[in-house]
Amino acid sequence: MFHPPIEPAVPFTETQLDLIEQALGRPLPKEYREFASVYGGAFVGGSIDGKAEFPILTFFGAKAVLLRLDIHDDLKADGVLPVADCEMGNLYVIDRQNAVHYINYYGGQTTARRVADAFDDMLKRIVVEEE
């Protein structure tokens, strides 16, 4: 498994992963399940491809994933999994085809942009600037 430049947190348990699958109504992508079981709600503090328009702060812990599924009924209904956010609260989600999208809520207008064809692809493209 690829090890992105992030700070690991508490790994998800198998029970937590199963609860997320039940809440989502579909199996989790294999790559995300492996990532969550090792890194949990990891801190990133970077961006995708080093681009300012795709900041990523933190991957959600198990409880945060479940909370966001409750908050965002529309995502849950579509089988879309919220996995991370940025400082502004914009979301990274995984769709039913396991592609990753960035949902931006800026200015009262919601936009979604596909950022990767798969979760592993997104992980490989995370850039964390050295301070």
N, C-alpha and C. Protein backbone atom coordinates (compact mmCIF):
# COMPACT_ATOMS: atom_id res chain seq x y z
N MET A 1 0.85 -1.19 0.00
CA MET A 1 0.00 0.00 0.00
C MET A 1 0.88 1.23 0.00
N PHE A 2 0.49 2.23 -0.79
CA PHE A 2 1.20 3.51 -0.85
C PHE A 2 1.08 4.24 0.48
N HIS A 3 2.15 4.86 0.92
CA HIS A 3 2.16 5.62 2.17
C HIS A 3 2.27 7.11 1.85
N PRO A 4 1.13 7.78 1.82
CA PRO A 4 1.15 9.22 1.49
C PRO A 4 1.80 10.03 2.62
N PRO A 5 2.17 11.26 2.32
CA PRO A 5 2.82 12.12 3.33
C PRO A 5 1.81 12.68 4.32
N ILE A 6 1.29 11.83 5.17
CA ILE A 6 0.27 12.24 6.13
C ILE A 6 0.63 11.74 7.52
N GLU A 7 -0.05 12.28 8.51
CA GLU A 7 0.13 11.86 9.89
C GLU A 7 -0.98 10.89 10.27
N PRO A 8 -0.65 9.61 10.50
CA PRO A 8 -1.68 8.63 10.85
C PRO A 8 -2.39 8.99 12.15
N ALA A 9 -3.63 8.52 12.26
CA ALA A 9 -4.42 8.69 13.47
C ALA A 9 -4.91 7.31 13.90
N VAL A 10 -5.94 7.28 14.71
CA VAL A 10 -6.48 6.01 15.21
C VAL A 10 -7.09 5.22 14.05
N PRO A 11 -6.58 4.03 13.78
CA PRO A 11 -7.14 3.21 12.70
C PRO A 11 -8.58 2.82 12.98
N PHE A 12 -9.36 2.63 11.91
CA PHE A 12 -10.73 2.15 12.04
C PHE A 12 -10.68 0.68 12.43
N THR A 13 -11.63 0.24 13.23
CA THR A 13 -11.78 -1.18 13.54
C THR A 13 -12.63 -1.83 12.46
N GLU A 14 -12.60 -3.14 12.41
CA GLU A 14 -13.45 -3.87 11.46
C GLU A 14 -14.93 -3.57 11.75
N THR A 15 -15.27 -3.46 13.02
CA THR A 15 -16.65 -3.14 13.38
C THR A 15 -17.05 -1.77 12.85
N GLN A 16 -16.18 -0.78 12.99
CA GLN A 16 -16.47 0.57 12.48
C GLN A 16 -16.62 0.55 10.96
N LEU A 17 -15.73 -0.16 10.28
CA LEU A 17 -15.81 -0.26 8.82
C LEU A 17 -17.13 -0.91 8.40
N ASP A 18 -17.53 -1.96 9.12
CA ASP A 18 -18.81 -2.63 8.81
C ASP A 18 -19.99 -1.69 9.04
N LEU A 19 -19.95 -0.89 10.13
CA LEU A 19 -21.02 0.07 10.40
C LEU A 19 -21.13 1.11 9.30
N ILE A 20 -19.99 1.57 8.80
CA ILE A 20 -19.99 2.55 7.71
C ILE A 20 -20.60 1.93 6.46
N GLU A 21 -20.23 0.68 6.15
CA GLU A 21 -20.82 0.01 4.99
C GLU A 21 -22.34 -0.12 5.14
N GLN A 22 -22.80 -0.47 6.33
CA GLN A 22 -24.24 -0.58 6.57
C GLN A 22 -24.93 0.76 6.38
N ALA A 23 -24.35 1.82 6.93
CA ALA A 23 -24.94 3.15 6.80
C ALA A 23 -24.95 3.61 5.34
N LEU A 24 -23.89 3.29 4.61
CA LEU A 24 -23.75 3.71 3.22
C LEU A 24 -24.61 2.86 2.29
N GLY A 25 -24.84 1.61 2.67
CA GLY A 25 -25.65 0.72 1.84
C GLY A 25 -24.88 0.07 0.71
N ARG A 26 -23.57 0.02 0.87
CA ARG A 26 -22.74 -0.64 -0.14
C ARG A 26 -21.37 -0.94 0.46
N PRO A 27 -20.63 -1.87 -0.17
CA PRO A 27 -19.28 -2.14 0.31
C PRO A 27 -18.36 -0.94 0.11
N LEU A 28 -17.42 -0.77 1.02
CA LEU A 28 -16.42 0.27 0.86
C LEU A 28 -15.41 -0.16 -0.20
N PRO A 29 -14.85 0.80 -0.94
CA PRO A 29 -13.78 0.44 -1.87
C PRO A 29 -12.63 -0.21 -1.10
N LYS A 30 -12.05 -1.24 -1.67
CA LYS A 30 -10.97 -1.99 -1.02
C LYS A 30 -9.84 -1.06 -0.58
N GLU A 31 -9.44 -0.15 -1.46
CA GLU A 31 -8.32 0.75 -1.17
C GLU A 31 -8.62 1.67 0.02
N TYR A 32 -9.87 2.16 0.08
CA TYR A 32 -10.24 3.03 1.19
C TYR A 32 -10.30 2.22 2.48
N ARG A 33 -10.85 1.03 2.41
CA ARG A 33 -10.94 0.18 3.60
C ARG A 33 -9.54 -0.10 4.16
N GLU A 34 -8.59 -0.42 3.29
CA GLU A 34 -7.21 -0.67 3.73
C GLU A 34 -6.59 0.60 4.33
N PHE A 35 -6.81 1.72 3.68
CA PHE A 35 -6.27 2.99 4.16
C PHE A 35 -6.81 3.31 5.55
N ALA A 36 -8.14 3.25 5.72
CA ALA A 36 -8.78 3.59 6.99
C ALA A 36 -8.34 2.65 8.11
N SER A 37 -8.07 1.39 7.78
CA SER A 37 -7.66 0.44 8.81
C SER A 37 -6.21 0.65 9.25
N VAL A 38 -5.47 1.45 8.50
CA VAL A 38 -4.08 1.76 8.87
C VAL A 38 -3.95 3.21 9.35
N TYR A 39 -4.51 4.16 8.60
CA TYR A 39 -4.31 5.58 8.87
C TYR A 39 -5.44 6.24 9.65
N GLY A 40 -6.64 5.67 9.62
CA GLY A 40 -7.77 6.27 10.32
C GLY A 40 -8.05 7.68 9.85
N GLY A 41 -8.40 8.55 10.77
CA GLY A 41 -8.70 9.95 10.46
C GLY A 41 -7.42 10.77 10.42
N ALA A 42 -6.60 10.51 9.45
CA ALA A 42 -5.26 11.09 9.35
C ALA A 42 -5.26 12.58 9.00
N PHE A 43 -4.27 13.29 9.53
CA PHE A 43 -4.05 14.70 9.19
C PHE A 43 -3.19 14.77 7.93
N VAL A 44 -3.56 15.68 7.02
CA VAL A 44 -2.81 15.83 5.77
C VAL A 44 -2.15 17.20 5.71
N GLY A 45 -2.97 18.26 5.65
CA GLY A 45 -2.43 19.61 5.53
C GLY A 45 -1.70 19.83 4.21
N GLY A 46 -2.30 19.41 3.11
CA GLY A 46 -1.67 19.55 1.80
C GLY A 46 -2.71 19.85 0.74
N SER A 47 -2.45 19.35 -0.46
CA SER A 47 -3.36 19.54 -1.58
C SER A 47 -3.16 18.42 -2.59
N ILE A 48 -4.10 18.31 -3.49
CA ILE A 48 -4.00 17.33 -4.57
C ILE A 48 -3.20 18.00 -5.69
N ASP A 49 -2.15 17.34 -6.12
CA ASP A 49 -1.25 17.84 -7.18
C ASP A 49 -0.60 19.17 -6.83
N GLY A 50 -0.61 19.56 -5.55
CA GLY A 50 -0.04 20.84 -5.14
C GLY A 50 -0.86 22.04 -5.58
N LYS A 51 -2.12 21.81 -5.98
CA LYS A 51 -2.97 22.89 -6.49
C LYS A 51 -3.80 23.51 -5.36
N ALA A 52 -3.79 24.82 -5.30
CA ALA A 52 -4.52 25.55 -4.26
C ALA A 52 -6.03 25.29 -4.33
N GLU A 53 -6.56 24.98 -5.50
CA GLU A 53 -8.01 24.75 -5.61
C GLU A 53 -8.44 23.37 -5.08
N PHE A 54 -7.47 22.53 -4.69
CA PHE A 54 -7.78 21.22 -4.13
C PHE A 54 -7.06 21.00 -2.80
N PRO A 55 -7.35 21.86 -1.80
CA PRO A 55 -6.72 21.66 -0.49
C PRO A 55 -7.33 20.46 0.23
N ILE A 56 -6.53 19.78 1.03
CA ILE A 56 -7.04 18.68 1.84
C ILE A 56 -6.39 18.78 3.22
N LEU A 57 -7.23 18.86 4.24
CA LEU A 57 -6.75 19.02 5.60
C LEU A 57 -6.69 17.69 6.33
N THR A 58 -7.81 16.98 6.37
CA THR A 58 -7.91 15.79 7.21
C THR A 58 -8.81 14.73 6.58
N PHE A 59 -8.42 13.47 6.74
CA PHE A 59 -9.33 12.37 6.45
C PHE A 59 -10.19 12.20 7.69
N PHE A 60 -11.45 11.85 7.50
CA PHE A 60 -12.38 11.70 8.61
C PHE A 60 -12.10 10.42 9.39
N GLY A 61 -12.26 10.51 10.72
CA GLY A 61 -12.30 9.32 11.56
C GLY A 61 -13.62 8.60 11.34
N ALA A 62 -13.74 7.42 11.90
CA ALA A 62 -14.95 6.60 11.68
C ALA A 62 -16.22 7.32 12.13
N LYS A 63 -16.19 7.92 13.32
CA LYS A 63 -17.38 8.62 13.81
C LYS A 63 -17.74 9.81 12.92
N ALA A 64 -16.73 10.50 12.41
CA ALA A 64 -16.97 11.65 11.53
C ALA A 64 -17.58 11.22 10.20
N VAL A 65 -17.16 10.07 9.68
CA VAL A 65 -17.76 9.56 8.44
C VAL A 65 -19.24 9.29 8.67
N LEU A 66 -19.56 8.60 9.76
CA LEU A 66 -20.96 8.29 10.07
C LEU A 66 -21.78 9.55 10.29
N LEU A 67 -21.20 10.54 10.97
CA LEU A 67 -21.89 11.81 11.19
C LEU A 67 -22.20 12.50 9.87
N ARG A 68 -21.23 12.54 8.97
CA ARG A 68 -21.45 13.21 7.68
C ARG A 68 -22.47 12.47 6.82
N LEU A 69 -22.52 11.16 6.94
CA LEU A 69 -23.57 10.42 6.23
C LEU A 69 -24.94 10.79 6.77
N ASP A 70 -25.04 11.05 8.08
CA ASP A 70 -26.31 11.49 8.65
C ASP A 70 -26.65 12.91 8.22
N ILE A 71 -25.66 13.79 8.19
CA ILE A 71 -25.87 15.19 7.83
C ILE A 71 -26.22 15.34 6.35
N HIS A 72 -25.53 14.59 5.52
CA HIS A 72 -25.68 14.70 4.06
C HIS A 72 -26.51 13.53 3.53
N ASP A 73 -27.82 13.58 3.78
CA ASP A 73 -28.71 12.50 3.32
C ASP A 73 -28.62 12.27 1.82
N ASP A 74 -28.38 13.35 1.06
CA ASP A 74 -28.29 13.22 -0.40
C ASP A 74 -27.11 12.35 -0.80
N LEU A 75 -25.98 12.51 -0.12
CA LEU A 75 -24.82 11.68 -0.42
C LEU A 75 -25.10 10.22 -0.07
N LYS A 76 -25.64 10.03 1.12
CA LYS A 76 -25.96 8.68 1.59
C LYS A 76 -26.92 7.98 0.63
N ALA A 77 -27.95 8.70 0.20
CA ALA A 77 -28.94 8.13 -0.71
C ALA A 77 -28.31 7.69 -2.03
N ASP A 78 -27.27 8.39 -2.46
CA ASP A 78 -26.58 8.06 -3.71
C ASP A 78 -25.43 7.09 -3.51
N GLY A 79 -25.19 6.64 -2.27
CA GLY A 79 -24.08 5.73 -2.01
C GLY A 79 -22.73 6.40 -2.10
N VAL A 80 -22.70 7.72 -1.85
CA VAL A 80 -21.46 8.49 -1.94
C VAL A 80 -20.85 8.62 -0.55
N LEU A 81 -19.58 8.26 -0.43
CA LEU A 81 -18.88 8.20 0.84
C LEU A 81 -18.04 9.44 1.09
N PRO A 82 -18.35 10.25 2.12
CA PRO A 82 -17.48 11.38 2.47
C PRO A 82 -16.24 10.87 3.20
N VAL A 83 -15.05 11.27 2.74
CA VAL A 83 -13.82 10.72 3.32
C VAL A 83 -12.87 11.77 3.90
N ALA A 84 -12.96 13.02 3.44
CA ALA A 84 -12.01 14.04 3.89
C ALA A 84 -12.59 15.43 3.67
N ASP A 85 -11.91 16.43 4.25
CA ASP A 85 -12.32 17.81 4.02
C ASP A 85 -11.11 18.73 3.99
N CYS A 86 -11.40 20.02 3.76
CA CYS A 86 -10.38 21.05 3.78
C CYS A 86 -10.71 22.02 4.92
N GLU A 87 -9.90 23.06 5.08
CA GLU A 87 -10.12 24.03 6.16
C GLU A 87 -11.48 24.71 6.05
N MET A 88 -12.03 24.82 4.87
CA MET A 88 -13.30 25.51 4.64
C MET A 88 -14.51 24.59 4.76
N GLY A 89 -14.29 23.32 5.05
CA GLY A 89 -15.40 22.38 5.20
C GLY A 89 -15.86 21.74 3.91
N ASN A 90 -15.17 22.00 2.81
CA ASN A 90 -15.51 21.35 1.55
C ASN A 90 -15.12 19.87 1.64
N LEU A 91 -15.83 19.02 0.92
CA LEU A 91 -15.68 17.58 1.08
C LEU A 91 -14.97 16.90 -0.08
N TYR A 92 -14.26 15.83 0.26
CA TYR A 92 -13.81 14.84 -0.71
C TYR A 92 -14.68 13.63 -0.51
N VAL A 93 -15.22 13.10 -1.61
CA VAL A 93 -16.14 11.96 -1.54
C VAL A 93 -15.74 10.91 -2.56
N ILE A 94 -16.16 9.67 -2.29
CA ILE A 94 -15.95 8.57 -3.22
C ILE A 94 -17.32 8.13 -3.72
N ASP A 95 -17.49 8.13 -5.06
CA ASP A 95 -18.79 7.76 -5.63
C ASP A 95 -18.90 6.24 -5.79
N ARG A 96 -20.01 5.78 -6.33
CA ARG A 96 -20.26 4.34 -6.49
C ARG A 96 -19.27 3.66 -7.44
N GLN A 97 -18.67 4.43 -8.34
CA GLN A 97 -17.67 3.87 -9.26
C GLN A 97 -16.26 4.00 -8.67
N ASN A 98 -16.19 4.46 -7.42
CA ASN A 98 -14.94 4.62 -6.67
C ASN A 98 -14.06 5.76 -7.16
N ALA A 99 -14.63 6.68 -7.93
CA ALA A 99 -13.92 7.90 -8.30
C ALA A 99 -14.03 8.89 -7.14
N VAL A 100 -13.04 9.77 -7.04
CA VAL A 100 -13.01 10.76 -5.97
C VAL A 100 -13.38 12.13 -6.53
N HIS A 101 -14.26 12.84 -5.82
CA HIS A 101 -14.72 14.17 -6.21
C HIS A 101 -14.49 15.15 -5.07
N TYR A 102 -14.25 16.40 -5.43
CA TYR A 102 -14.12 17.48 -4.46
C TYR A 102 -15.39 18.33 -4.55
N ILE A 103 -16.13 18.40 -3.46
CA ILE A 103 -17.36 19.18 -3.43
C ILE A 103 -17.07 20.50 -2.72
N ASN A 104 -17.26 21.59 -3.46
CA ASN A 104 -16.95 22.93 -2.96
C ASN A 104 -18.26 23.68 -2.72
N TYR A 105 -18.42 24.21 -1.51
CA TYR A 105 -19.65 24.92 -1.14
C TYR A 105 -19.45 26.43 -1.14
N TYR A 106 -18.42 26.93 -1.75
CA TYR A 106 -18.06 28.34 -1.70
C TYR A 106 -19.14 29.25 -2.30
N GLY A 107 -19.39 30.36 -1.62
CA GLY A 107 -20.28 31.40 -2.14
C GLY A 107 -21.73 30.97 -2.29
N GLY A 108 -22.17 29.99 -1.53
CA GLY A 108 -23.55 29.56 -1.61
C GLY A 108 -23.86 28.73 -2.85
N GLN A 109 -22.83 28.41 -3.60
CA GLN A 109 -23.02 27.62 -4.82
C GLN A 109 -22.20 26.34 -4.69
N THR A 110 -22.84 25.20 -4.84
CA THR A 110 -22.17 23.92 -4.71
C THR A 110 -21.68 23.45 -6.07
N THR A 111 -20.39 23.10 -6.13
CA THR A 111 -19.82 22.53 -7.35
C THR A 111 -19.07 21.26 -6.98
N ALA A 112 -19.01 20.33 -7.89
CA ALA A 112 -18.27 19.08 -7.68
C ALA A 112 -17.33 18.88 -8.85
N ARG A 113 -16.09 18.54 -8.53
CA ARG A 113 -15.10 18.26 -9.58
C ARG A 113 -14.45 16.92 -9.31
N ARG A 114 -14.37 16.12 -10.33
CA ARG A 114 -13.69 14.83 -10.22
C ARG A 114 -12.19 15.09 -10.12
N VAL A 115 -11.57 14.53 -9.09
CA VAL A 115 -10.13 14.76 -8.91
C VAL A 115 -9.30 13.50 -9.15
N ALA A 116 -9.94 12.33 -9.10
CA ALA A 116 -9.19 11.08 -9.32
C ALA A 116 -10.15 9.97 -9.73
N ASP A 117 -9.65 9.06 -10.53
CA ASP A 117 -10.45 7.92 -10.96
C ASP A 117 -10.59 6.86 -9.87
N ALA A 118 -9.69 6.89 -8.88
CA ALA A 118 -9.72 5.92 -7.79
C ALA A 118 -9.06 6.54 -6.56
N PHE A 119 -9.40 6.00 -5.38
CA PHE A 119 -8.88 6.52 -4.12
C PHE A 119 -7.35 6.45 -4.08
N ASP A 120 -6.77 5.33 -4.50
CA ASP A 120 -5.30 5.21 -4.51
C ASP A 120 -4.64 6.27 -5.37
N ASP A 121 -5.28 6.60 -6.50
CA ASP A 121 -4.75 7.64 -7.38
C ASP A 121 -4.71 8.97 -6.65
N MET A 122 -5.77 9.29 -5.92
CA MET A 122 -5.78 10.53 -5.16
C MET A 122 -4.66 10.53 -4.12
N LEU A 123 -4.49 9.43 -3.40
CA LEU A 123 -3.44 9.36 -2.38
C LEU A 123 -2.06 9.63 -2.96
N LYS A 124 -1.78 9.08 -4.11
CA LYS A 124 -0.48 9.25 -4.76
C LYS A 124 -0.22 10.69 -5.17
N ARG A 125 -1.29 11.46 -5.33
CA ARG A 125 -1.15 12.84 -5.83
C ARG A 125 -1.18 13.89 -4.73
N ILE A 126 -1.26 13.46 -3.46
CA ILE A 126 -1.24 14.41 -2.36
C ILE A 126 0.16 15.01 -2.21
N VAL A 127 0.19 16.33 -2.12
CA VAL A 127 1.45 17.06 -1.93
C VAL A 127 1.35 17.81 -0.62
N VAL A 128 2.35 17.62 0.23
CA VAL A 128 2.44 18.36 1.48
C VAL A 128 3.72 19.18 1.41
N GLU A 129 3.57 20.49 1.46
CA GLU A 129 4.71 21.39 1.37
C GLU A 129 5.55 21.32 2.65
N GLU A 130 6.85 21.27 2.50
CA GLU A 130 7.75 21.30 3.66
C GLU A 130 7.78 22.69 4.22
N GLU A 131 7.76 22.80 5.55
CA GLU A 131 7.82 24.12 6.18
C GLU A 131 9.23 24.50 6.55
